[in-house]
Amino acid sequence: MPLVTFAVSGTGTGVAQTVAVKGADHVIETDAYPAFGGKDAHPSPLAYTLASLSSCNQVTSQIVAKELGIVIDAVKFDVAADFDPTTMTTGRESPDATFQDLRITAEITTDATADQFDRLRDEVARRCPVSVLFARAGVKITNDWTRVKPS
């Protein structure tokens, strides 16, 4: 399969930035918390990173579900991670300058059997590009998925 290029272009002042998605009419506004010099007028890049993980898990779960012949009626992903800002804000070394202890909690409403559901969870963790980025960065990931039967 040929590579697909994703590209963005960002402009800004201070810590706020407007990011345009190349080839689309999408614009993402970012800012930072006041502690980092921002006004908290838009989500931070770190919040967008976790949002990317959540939505990438959802997209990948739909792809895998289709392959497994199961239907996903609804998803709910909660994503949280701890971040040590020492290196970013002071330049001093910290034990880990990226997210730590990443927790993904999912409630998936699906007709999948228990075995299919386990396969779905494992394949999404293996195939979601954003999950793979975190894993390759050495971030500890806890994937706690719950299967909910459709009503």
N, C-alpha and C. Protein backbone atom coordinates (compact mmCIF):
# COMPACT_ATOMS: atom_id res chain seq x y z
N MET A 1 0.84 -1.18 0.00
CA MET A 1 0.00 0.00 0.00
C MET A 1 0.89 1.24 0.00
N PRO A 2 0.57 2.24 -0.80
CA PRO A 2 1.40 3.46 -0.82
C PRO A 2 1.24 4.27 0.47
N LEU A 3 2.26 5.03 0.79
CA LEU A 3 2.19 5.89 1.96
C LEU A 3 1.17 6.99 1.75
N VAL A 4 0.51 7.41 2.82
CA VAL A 4 -0.43 8.52 2.80
C VAL A 4 0.21 9.64 3.59
N THR A 5 0.30 10.81 3.00
CA THR A 5 0.93 11.95 3.68
C THR A 5 -0.12 12.78 4.39
N PHE A 6 0.13 13.05 5.66
CA PHE A 6 -0.69 13.97 6.45
C PHE A 6 0.18 15.19 6.71
N ALA A 7 -0.38 16.39 6.56
CA ALA A 7 0.43 17.60 6.74
C ALA A 7 -0.43 18.70 7.35
N VAL A 8 0.20 19.52 8.17
CA VAL A 8 -0.44 20.68 8.77
C VAL A 8 0.51 21.86 8.67
N SER A 9 -0.03 23.05 8.83
CA SER A 9 0.77 24.26 8.84
C SER A 9 0.27 25.14 9.98
N GLY A 10 1.17 25.52 10.89
CA GLY A 10 0.77 26.30 12.04
C GLY A 10 1.38 27.68 12.06
N THR A 11 0.58 28.66 12.49
CA THR A 11 1.06 30.03 12.68
C THR A 11 0.52 30.52 14.02
N GLY A 12 1.25 31.42 14.65
CA GLY A 12 0.75 31.92 15.92
C GLY A 12 1.62 32.97 16.53
N THR A 13 1.18 33.42 17.70
CA THR A 13 1.93 34.36 18.52
C THR A 13 1.88 33.85 19.95
N GLY A 14 2.93 34.15 20.70
CA GLY A 14 2.98 33.63 22.07
C GLY A 14 2.93 32.12 22.03
N VAL A 15 2.05 31.52 22.84
CA VAL A 15 1.92 30.07 22.84
C VAL A 15 0.68 29.60 22.10
N ALA A 16 -0.14 30.52 21.62
CA ALA A 16 -1.35 30.16 20.87
C ALA A 16 -1.00 29.96 19.40
N GLN A 17 -1.68 29.00 18.79
CA GLN A 17 -1.39 28.70 17.39
C GLN A 17 -2.67 28.29 16.67
N THR A 18 -2.73 28.66 15.40
CA THR A 18 -3.79 28.19 14.51
C THR A 18 -3.13 27.22 13.54
N VAL A 19 -3.65 26.02 13.50
CA VAL A 19 -3.08 24.96 12.69
C VAL A 19 -4.08 24.62 11.59
N ALA A 20 -3.64 24.75 10.35
CA ALA A 20 -4.48 24.40 9.20
C ALA A 20 -4.08 23.01 8.72
N VAL A 21 -5.07 22.19 8.44
CA VAL A 21 -4.82 20.85 7.91
C VAL A 21 -4.71 20.99 6.39
N LYS A 22 -3.55 20.63 5.87
CA LYS A 22 -3.34 20.77 4.42
C LYS A 22 -4.25 19.83 3.65
N GLY A 23 -4.85 20.37 2.59
CA GLY A 23 -5.73 19.58 1.74
C GLY A 23 -7.16 19.48 2.26
N ALA A 24 -7.47 20.25 3.31
CA ALA A 24 -8.82 20.22 3.89
C ALA A 24 -9.16 21.60 4.42
N ASP A 25 -10.40 21.79 4.75
CA ASP A 25 -10.84 23.06 5.31
C ASP A 25 -10.91 23.01 6.84
N HIS A 26 -10.05 22.22 7.46
CA HIS A 26 -10.06 22.08 8.91
C HIS A 26 -8.99 22.96 9.55
N VAL A 27 -9.39 23.60 10.65
CA VAL A 27 -8.47 24.44 11.40
C VAL A 27 -8.55 24.02 12.87
N ILE A 28 -7.40 23.91 13.49
CA ILE A 28 -7.31 23.55 14.89
C ILE A 28 -6.69 24.72 15.64
N GLU A 29 -7.35 25.15 16.69
CA GLU A 29 -6.84 26.24 17.52
C GLU A 29 -6.22 25.64 18.78
N THR A 30 -5.01 26.04 19.11
CA THR A 30 -4.37 25.56 20.33
C THR A 30 -3.94 26.73 21.21
N ASP A 31 -3.82 26.45 22.47
CA ASP A 31 -3.31 27.42 23.44
C ASP A 31 -2.66 26.61 24.56
N ALA A 32 -2.30 27.26 25.62
CA ALA A 32 -1.69 26.57 26.75
C ALA A 32 -2.29 27.12 28.04
N TYR A 33 -2.08 26.38 29.11
CA TYR A 33 -2.53 26.83 30.42
C TYR A 33 -1.75 28.08 30.82
N PRO A 34 -2.34 28.95 31.66
CA PRO A 34 -1.62 30.14 32.11
C PRO A 34 -0.25 29.83 32.72
N ALA A 35 -0.11 28.71 33.39
CA ALA A 35 1.19 28.34 33.97
C ALA A 35 2.27 28.17 32.91
N PHE A 36 1.84 27.91 31.67
CA PHE A 36 2.78 27.75 30.56
C PHE A 36 2.79 28.98 29.65
N GLY A 37 2.19 30.08 30.10
CA GLY A 37 2.21 31.33 29.35
C GLY A 37 1.02 31.55 28.44
N GLY A 38 0.02 30.69 28.55
CA GLY A 38 -1.16 30.82 27.69
C GLY A 38 -2.34 31.43 28.40
N LYS A 39 -3.45 31.49 27.67
CA LYS A 39 -4.71 32.03 28.21
C LYS A 39 -5.76 30.93 28.38
N ASP A 40 -5.41 29.70 28.03
CA ASP A 40 -6.32 28.56 28.11
C ASP A 40 -7.59 28.83 27.28
N ALA A 41 -7.43 29.53 26.15
CA ALA A 41 -8.57 29.86 25.29
C ALA A 41 -8.96 28.68 24.38
N HIS A 42 -8.05 27.74 24.20
CA HIS A 42 -8.29 26.56 23.37
C HIS A 42 -7.58 25.38 24.02
N PRO A 43 -7.89 24.16 23.60
CA PRO A 43 -7.18 23.01 24.16
C PRO A 43 -5.68 23.11 23.90
N SER A 44 -4.92 22.54 24.82
CA SER A 44 -3.47 22.54 24.68
C SER A 44 -3.05 21.45 23.68
N PRO A 45 -1.85 21.55 23.15
CA PRO A 45 -1.36 20.48 22.27
C PRO A 45 -1.36 19.12 22.97
N LEU A 46 -1.11 19.11 24.28
CA LEU A 46 -1.12 17.84 25.01
C LEU A 46 -2.53 17.27 25.11
N ALA A 47 -3.54 18.14 25.29
CA ALA A 47 -4.93 17.66 25.29
C ALA A 47 -5.29 17.11 23.91
N TYR A 48 -4.85 17.80 22.86
CA TYR A 48 -5.11 17.30 21.51
C TYR A 48 -4.42 15.96 21.27
N THR A 49 -3.27 15.76 21.89
CA THR A 49 -2.58 14.48 21.75
C THR A 49 -3.42 13.34 22.32
N LEU A 50 -3.99 13.56 23.50
CA LEU A 50 -4.85 12.54 24.08
C LEU A 50 -6.16 12.39 23.30
N ALA A 51 -6.67 13.49 22.78
CA ALA A 51 -7.87 13.41 21.93
C ALA A 51 -7.57 12.62 20.66
N SER A 52 -6.38 12.80 20.11
CA SER A 52 -5.97 12.03 18.93
C SER A 52 -5.93 10.54 19.24
N LEU A 53 -5.43 10.21 20.41
CA LEU A 53 -5.38 8.80 20.81
C LEU A 53 -6.79 8.23 20.93
N SER A 54 -7.67 8.96 21.58
CA SER A 54 -9.05 8.49 21.75
C SER A 54 -9.73 8.28 20.40
N SER A 55 -9.67 9.28 19.54
CA SER A 55 -10.37 9.17 18.26
C SER A 55 -9.70 8.17 17.33
N CYS A 56 -8.39 8.02 17.41
CA CYS A 56 -7.70 7.02 16.59
C CYS A 56 -8.09 5.61 17.02
N ASN A 57 -8.25 5.40 18.33
CA ASN A 57 -8.72 4.11 18.82
C ASN A 57 -10.12 3.81 18.29
N GLN A 58 -10.97 4.84 18.23
CA GLN A 58 -12.32 4.63 17.71
C GLN A 58 -12.31 4.28 16.23
N VAL A 59 -11.55 5.02 15.44
CA VAL A 59 -11.46 4.74 14.01
C VAL A 59 -10.92 3.33 13.78
N THR A 60 -9.83 3.01 14.47
CA THR A 60 -9.22 1.69 14.29
C THR A 60 -10.15 0.58 14.75
N SER A 61 -10.92 0.83 15.81
CA SER A 61 -11.85 -0.20 16.29
C SER A 61 -12.93 -0.49 15.25
N GLN A 62 -13.35 0.52 14.52
CA GLN A 62 -14.36 0.30 13.47
C GLN A 62 -13.77 -0.53 12.31
N ILE A 63 -12.53 -0.25 11.96
CA ILE A 63 -11.86 -1.01 10.89
C ILE A 63 -11.72 -2.48 11.30
N VAL A 64 -11.26 -2.70 12.52
CA VAL A 64 -11.04 -4.07 13.00
C VAL A 64 -12.38 -4.78 13.17
N ALA A 65 -13.38 -4.10 13.69
CA ALA A 65 -14.70 -4.71 13.88
C ALA A 65 -15.27 -5.20 12.55
N LYS A 66 -15.11 -4.40 11.52
CA LYS A 66 -15.59 -4.80 10.20
C LYS A 66 -14.89 -6.08 9.74
N GLU A 67 -13.58 -6.16 9.96
CA GLU A 67 -12.83 -7.36 9.58
C GLU A 67 -13.29 -8.58 10.37
N LEU A 68 -13.66 -8.36 11.64
CA LEU A 68 -14.08 -9.47 12.50
C LEU A 68 -15.55 -9.83 12.29
N GLY A 69 -16.27 -9.02 11.50
CA GLY A 69 -17.68 -9.29 11.25
C GLY A 69 -18.58 -8.98 12.44
N ILE A 70 -18.16 -8.01 13.26
CA ILE A 70 -18.97 -7.61 14.40
C ILE A 70 -19.42 -6.16 14.23
N VAL A 71 -20.43 -5.79 15.00
CA VAL A 71 -20.98 -4.44 14.94
C VAL A 71 -20.68 -3.72 16.25
N ILE A 72 -20.20 -2.51 16.14
CA ILE A 72 -20.01 -1.65 17.31
C ILE A 72 -21.11 -0.60 17.25
N ASP A 73 -21.99 -0.63 18.26
CA ASP A 73 -23.10 0.33 18.30
C ASP A 73 -22.69 1.68 18.89
N ALA A 74 -21.81 1.64 19.88
CA ALA A 74 -21.39 2.88 20.54
C ALA A 74 -20.04 2.66 21.22
N VAL A 75 -19.28 3.74 21.37
CA VAL A 75 -18.00 3.69 22.08
C VAL A 75 -17.91 4.86 23.05
N LYS A 76 -17.19 4.63 24.12
CA LYS A 76 -16.85 5.71 25.05
C LYS A 76 -15.42 5.46 25.48
N PHE A 77 -14.54 6.38 25.15
CA PHE A 77 -13.15 6.28 25.54
C PHE A 77 -12.83 7.38 26.54
N ASP A 78 -12.22 7.01 27.64
CA ASP A 78 -11.65 7.96 28.59
C ASP A 78 -10.14 7.73 28.56
N VAL A 79 -9.39 8.80 28.34
CA VAL A 79 -7.94 8.70 28.23
C VAL A 79 -7.32 9.68 29.21
N ALA A 80 -6.36 9.19 29.98
CA ALA A 80 -5.65 10.05 30.93
C ALA A 80 -4.18 9.63 30.96
N ALA A 81 -3.32 10.58 31.23
CA ALA A 81 -1.89 10.29 31.36
C ALA A 81 -1.26 11.35 32.24
N ASP A 82 -0.18 10.98 32.87
CA ASP A 82 0.56 11.91 33.73
C ASP A 82 1.70 12.51 32.91
N PHE A 83 2.01 13.77 33.19
CA PHE A 83 3.04 14.48 32.44
C PHE A 83 3.91 15.27 33.39
N ASP A 84 5.22 15.10 33.28
CA ASP A 84 6.19 15.86 34.07
C ASP A 84 6.69 17.00 33.19
N PRO A 85 6.30 18.26 33.50
CA PRO A 85 6.68 19.39 32.64
C PRO A 85 8.09 19.93 32.87
N THR A 86 8.87 19.28 33.73
CA THR A 86 10.19 19.82 34.11
C THR A 86 11.06 20.15 32.91
N THR A 87 11.27 19.19 32.02
CA THR A 87 12.16 19.42 30.88
C THR A 87 11.60 20.51 29.98
N MET A 88 10.31 20.46 29.70
CA MET A 88 9.70 21.45 28.81
C MET A 88 9.81 22.87 29.36
N THR A 89 9.54 23.03 30.66
CA THR A 89 9.47 24.38 31.22
C THR A 89 10.78 24.93 31.76
N THR A 90 11.71 24.04 32.12
CA THR A 90 12.95 24.54 32.72
C THR A 90 14.20 24.14 31.93
N GLY A 91 14.08 23.16 31.07
CA GLY A 91 15.23 22.66 30.34
C GLY A 91 16.04 21.65 31.12
N ARG A 92 15.74 21.52 32.42
CA ARG A 92 16.45 20.53 33.23
C ARG A 92 15.95 19.13 32.88
N GLU A 93 16.84 18.19 32.97
CA GLU A 93 16.47 16.80 32.68
C GLU A 93 15.50 16.28 33.73
N SER A 94 14.54 15.51 33.27
CA SER A 94 13.65 14.80 34.18
C SER A 94 13.67 13.34 33.75
N PRO A 95 13.26 12.45 34.63
CA PRO A 95 13.33 11.03 34.28
C PRO A 95 12.59 10.69 32.99
N ASP A 96 11.52 11.39 32.71
CA ASP A 96 10.73 11.10 31.52
C ASP A 96 10.06 12.37 31.04
N ALA A 97 10.45 12.86 29.88
CA ALA A 97 9.94 14.13 29.38
C ALA A 97 8.69 13.97 28.53
N THR A 98 8.11 12.80 28.54
CA THR A 98 6.88 12.58 27.78
C THR A 98 5.79 12.13 28.75
N PHE A 99 4.64 11.76 28.21
CA PHE A 99 3.58 11.24 29.06
C PHE A 99 4.06 9.98 29.78
N GLN A 100 3.50 9.76 30.94
CA GLN A 100 3.78 8.55 31.71
C GLN A 100 2.45 7.93 32.12
N ASP A 101 2.45 6.65 32.33
CA ASP A 101 1.28 5.94 32.86
C ASP A 101 0.00 6.32 32.12
N LEU A 102 -0.05 5.99 30.86
CA LEU A 102 -1.20 6.28 30.00
C LEU A 102 -2.30 5.27 30.28
N ARG A 103 -3.52 5.78 30.54
CA ARG A 103 -4.64 4.92 30.87
C ARG A 103 -5.77 5.12 29.86
N ILE A 104 -6.13 4.05 29.19
CA ILE A 104 -7.24 4.06 28.25
C ILE A 104 -8.34 3.19 28.84
N THR A 105 -9.49 3.80 29.08
CA THR A 105 -10.65 3.06 29.57
C THR A 105 -11.73 3.18 28.50
N ALA A 106 -12.24 2.04 28.08
CA ALA A 106 -13.21 2.04 26.99
C ALA A 106 -14.43 1.22 27.37
N GLU A 107 -15.58 1.72 26.98
CA GLU A 107 -16.83 0.96 27.05
C GLU A 107 -17.31 0.83 25.62
N ILE A 108 -17.35 -0.40 25.13
CA ILE A 108 -17.71 -0.66 23.75
C ILE A 108 -19.01 -1.44 23.73
N THR A 109 -20.03 -0.86 23.14
CA THR A 109 -21.31 -1.56 22.98
C THR A 109 -21.25 -2.31 21.67
N THR A 110 -21.26 -3.65 21.78
CA THR A 110 -21.04 -4.47 20.60
C THR A 110 -21.70 -5.84 20.75
N ASP A 111 -21.96 -6.47 19.61
CA ASP A 111 -22.49 -7.83 19.59
C ASP A 111 -21.37 -8.87 19.62
N ALA A 112 -20.15 -8.45 19.80
CA ALA A 112 -18.99 -9.35 19.77
C ALA A 112 -19.06 -10.38 20.90
N THR A 113 -18.56 -11.57 20.61
CA THR A 113 -18.37 -12.57 21.66
C THR A 113 -17.18 -12.13 22.51
N ALA A 114 -16.97 -12.81 23.63
CA ALA A 114 -15.85 -12.46 24.50
C ALA A 114 -14.52 -12.61 23.75
N ASP A 115 -14.38 -13.68 22.98
CA ASP A 115 -13.14 -13.89 22.21
C ASP A 115 -12.95 -12.82 21.14
N GLN A 116 -14.03 -12.49 20.43
CA GLN A 116 -13.94 -11.43 19.41
C GLN A 116 -13.58 -10.10 20.05
N PHE A 117 -14.15 -9.84 21.22
CA PHE A 117 -13.89 -8.58 21.91
C PHE A 117 -12.43 -8.47 22.33
N ASP A 118 -11.89 -9.56 22.86
CA ASP A 118 -10.47 -9.56 23.24
C ASP A 118 -9.59 -9.32 22.01
N ARG A 119 -9.95 -9.93 20.91
CA ARG A 119 -9.19 -9.74 19.66
C ARG A 119 -9.30 -8.29 19.19
N LEU A 120 -10.51 -7.72 19.27
CA LEU A 120 -10.74 -6.32 18.89
C LEU A 120 -9.82 -5.41 19.71
N ARG A 121 -9.84 -5.57 21.03
CA ARG A 121 -9.01 -4.72 21.91
C ARG A 121 -7.53 -4.86 21.58
N ASP A 122 -7.06 -6.09 21.43
CA ASP A 122 -5.65 -6.33 21.17
C ASP A 122 -5.21 -5.81 19.80
N GLU A 123 -6.06 -5.98 18.80
CA GLU A 123 -5.73 -5.51 17.45
C GLU A 123 -5.73 -3.99 17.38
N VAL A 124 -6.65 -3.34 18.08
CA VAL A 124 -6.66 -1.87 18.10
C VAL A 124 -5.38 -1.36 18.75
N ALA A 125 -4.97 -1.97 19.85
CA ALA A 125 -3.72 -1.55 20.51
C ALA A 125 -2.53 -1.73 19.58
N ARG A 126 -2.55 -2.79 18.79
CA ARG A 126 -1.43 -3.09 17.89
C ARG A 126 -1.44 -2.22 16.64
N ARG A 127 -2.63 -1.84 16.17
CA ARG A 127 -2.75 -1.21 14.86
C ARG A 127 -3.04 0.29 14.87
N CYS A 128 -3.50 0.85 15.97
CA CYS A 128 -3.80 2.29 16.03
C CYS A 128 -2.47 3.06 15.96
N PRO A 129 -2.28 3.89 14.93
CA PRO A 129 -0.99 4.60 14.80
C PRO A 129 -0.63 5.47 16.00
N VAL A 130 -1.61 6.08 16.64
CA VAL A 130 -1.28 6.93 17.79
C VAL A 130 -0.90 6.07 19.00
N SER A 131 -1.59 4.95 19.19
CA SER A 131 -1.21 4.03 20.27
C SER A 131 0.22 3.52 20.05
N VAL A 132 0.54 3.23 18.81
CA VAL A 132 1.88 2.73 18.48
C VAL A 132 2.93 3.80 18.79
N LEU A 133 2.62 5.07 18.51
CA LEU A 133 3.57 6.15 18.85
C LEU A 133 3.88 6.17 20.35
N PHE A 134 2.83 6.08 21.16
CA PHE A 134 3.04 6.06 22.61
C PHE A 134 3.85 4.84 23.03
N ALA A 135 3.49 3.68 22.49
CA ALA A 135 4.19 2.44 22.86
C ALA A 135 5.67 2.53 22.48
N ARG A 136 5.96 3.02 21.28
CA ARG A 136 7.35 3.11 20.83
C ARG A 136 8.14 4.15 21.62
N ALA A 137 7.43 5.12 22.22
CA ALA A 137 8.09 6.11 23.07
C ALA A 137 8.36 5.56 24.46
N GLY A 138 7.93 4.33 24.71
CA GLY A 138 8.18 3.70 25.99
C GLY A 138 7.18 4.05 27.07
N VAL A 139 6.05 4.62 26.68
CA VAL A 139 5.03 4.98 27.66
C VAL A 139 4.30 3.72 28.12
N LYS A 140 4.15 3.57 29.43
CA LYS A 140 3.39 2.45 29.98
C LYS A 140 1.91 2.70 29.67
N ILE A 141 1.27 1.74 29.01
CA ILE A 141 -0.13 1.88 28.59
C ILE A 141 -0.98 0.82 29.27
N THR A 142 -2.05 1.26 29.91
CA THR A 142 -3.04 0.35 30.46
C THR A 142 -4.30 0.48 29.60
N ASN A 143 -4.72 -0.63 29.03
CA ASN A 143 -5.87 -0.68 28.13
C ASN A 143 -6.98 -1.45 28.84
N ASP A 144 -7.94 -0.76 29.44
CA ASP A 144 -9.01 -1.40 30.19
C ASP A 144 -10.32 -1.23 29.40
N TRP A 145 -10.66 -2.25 28.64
CA TRP A 145 -11.86 -2.21 27.80
C TRP A 145 -12.95 -3.07 28.42
N THR A 146 -14.18 -2.57 28.39
CA THR A 146 -15.35 -3.29 28.87
C THR A 146 -16.33 -3.48 27.72
N ARG A 147 -16.81 -4.71 27.58
CA ARG A 147 -17.81 -5.02 26.54
C ARG A 147 -19.20 -4.82 27.13
N VAL A 148 -20.00 -4.03 26.43
CA VAL A 148 -21.38 -3.78 26.82
C VAL A 148 -22.27 -4.40 25.74
N LYS A 149 -23.19 -5.22 26.17
CA LYS A 149 -24.12 -5.85 25.22
C LYS A 149 -25.16 -4.83 24.76
N PRO A 150 -25.49 -4.83 23.48
CA PRO A 150 -26.53 -3.90 23.00
C PRO A 150 -27.87 -4.20 23.68
N SER A 151 -28.66 -3.15 23.89
CA SER A 151 -29.96 -3.38 24.53
C SER A 151 -31.01 -3.82 23.56
